[in-house]
Amino acid sequence: MSHETWNPISLSKHDSPTSYLAFADGLILFAEALLEQVMLIKNIMKFFCRTSNQKINLEKSRMCFFPKNVGVPQRNQLSVEIGIQ
């Protein structure tokens, strides 16, 4: 695994940066809308699957972009790269 840096985001101006929220049967990941960040998350997901012998259901997975000023071409590129709508 490489030593790239995951750049978490702040959910508001006054919050500390957040990289994830974990639930009993789900996980929400937060990162900058950059190709490098998507590739890092994709590699982490592959590592998780390989080491845990579990699978991530990409059919149930979704990508959301905040703020909404992430352009449609960039959204499409990031979604295609990670394989999530």
Protein backbone atom coordinates (compact mmCIF):
# COMPACT_ATOMS: atom_id res chain seq x y z
CA MET A 1 0.00 0.00 0.00
CA SER A 2 1.35 3.43 -0.86
CA HIS A 3 1.83 6.26 1.61
CA GLU A 4 -0.53 8.74 -0.02
CA THR A 5 -2.49 11.07 2.24
CA TRP A 6 -6.23 10.92 2.62
CA ASN A 7 -7.53 14.49 2.85
CA PRO A 8 -10.69 14.54 5.00
CA ILE A 9 -13.20 17.35 4.72
CA SER A 10 -14.92 19.64 7.20
CA LEU A 11 -18.69 19.31 7.17
CA SER A 12 -19.04 22.94 8.26
CA LYS A 13 -16.75 25.92 8.78
CA HIS A 14 -16.49 25.21 12.50
CA ASP A 15 -16.02 21.42 12.45
CA SER A 16 -12.85 19.40 12.58
CA PRO A 17 -12.04 17.46 9.40
CA THR A 18 -13.93 14.16 9.06
CA SER A 19 -12.83 11.16 7.00
CA TYR A 20 -15.64 8.70 7.81
CA LEU A 21 -18.80 7.91 9.74
CA ALA A 22 -19.29 4.27 10.72
CA PHE A 23 -22.63 2.54 11.32
CA ALA A 24 -23.56 -1.04 12.25
CA ASP A 25 -23.79 -2.14 8.63
CA GLY A 26 -22.49 0.81 6.66
CA LEU A 27 -19.77 3.37 6.21
CA ILE A 28 -19.72 6.91 4.82
CA LEU A 29 -16.33 8.10 3.54
CA PHE A 30 -15.44 11.78 3.13
CA ALA A 31 -12.62 13.11 0.95
CA GLU A 32 -11.79 15.91 -1.44
CA ALA A 33 -13.29 15.55 -4.93
CA LEU A 34 -9.93 14.82 -6.55
CA LEU A 35 -8.86 11.89 -8.71
CA GLU A 36 -5.93 11.17 -6.37
CA GLN A 37 -8.31 10.89 -3.41
CA VAL A 38 -10.70 8.60 -5.30
CA MET A 39 -7.82 6.35 -6.35
CA LEU A 40 -6.59 6.19 -2.74
CA ILE A 41 -10.06 5.22 -1.50
CA LYS A 42 -10.36 2.64 -4.29
CA ASN A 43 -7.04 1.10 -3.23
CA ILE A 44 -8.11 1.07 0.43
CA MET A 45 -11.37 -0.66 -0.55
CA LYS A 46 -9.44 -3.28 -2.54
CA PHE A 47 -7.08 -3.84 0.41
CA PHE A 48 -10.06 -4.22 2.77
CA CYS A 49 -11.69 -6.80 0.49
CA ARG A 50 -8.47 -8.74 0.05
CA THR A 51 -7.59 -8.86 3.76
CA SER A 52 -11.10 -9.36 5.18
CA ASN A 53 -12.35 -11.75 2.50
CA GLN A 54 -15.48 -9.60 2.22
CA LYS A 55 -16.97 -7.77 -0.75
CA ILE A 56 -18.23 -4.22 -1.12
CA ASN A 57 -21.60 -4.04 -2.86
CA LEU A 58 -21.01 -1.32 -5.45
CA GLU A 59 -24.67 -1.61 -6.54
CA LYS A 60 -25.72 -0.23 -3.13
CA SER A 61 -22.90 2.33 -2.99
CA ARG A 62 -23.34 5.99 -3.95
CA MET A 63 -21.15 9.04 -4.39
CA CYS A 64 -22.32 12.46 -3.23
CA PHE A 65 -20.50 15.71 -3.88
CA PHE A 66 -20.47 18.64 -1.47
CA PRO A 67 -20.48 21.48 -2.19
CA LYS A 68 -22.49 21.29 -5.34
CA ASN A 69 -19.86 23.31 -7.25
CA VAL A 70 -18.04 20.11 -8.27
CA GLY A 71 -18.68 20.13 -12.03
CA VAL A 72 -20.55 17.36 -13.83
CA PRO A 73 -17.48 16.29 -15.89
CA GLN A 74 -15.43 15.93 -12.70
CA ARG A 75 -18.24 14.03 -10.95
CA ASN A 76 -18.53 11.65 -13.90
CA GLN A 77 -14.78 11.05 -14.07
CA LEU A 78 -14.55 10.29 -10.33
CA SER A 79 -17.61 8.02 -10.41
CA VAL A 80 -16.31 6.05 -13.37
CA GLU A 81 -12.85 5.71 -11.84
CA ILE A 82 -14.12 4.18 -8.60
CA GLY A 83 -17.02 2.27 -10.19
CA ILE A 84 -19.73 3.89 -8.07
CA GLN A 85 -22.65 6.01 -9.32
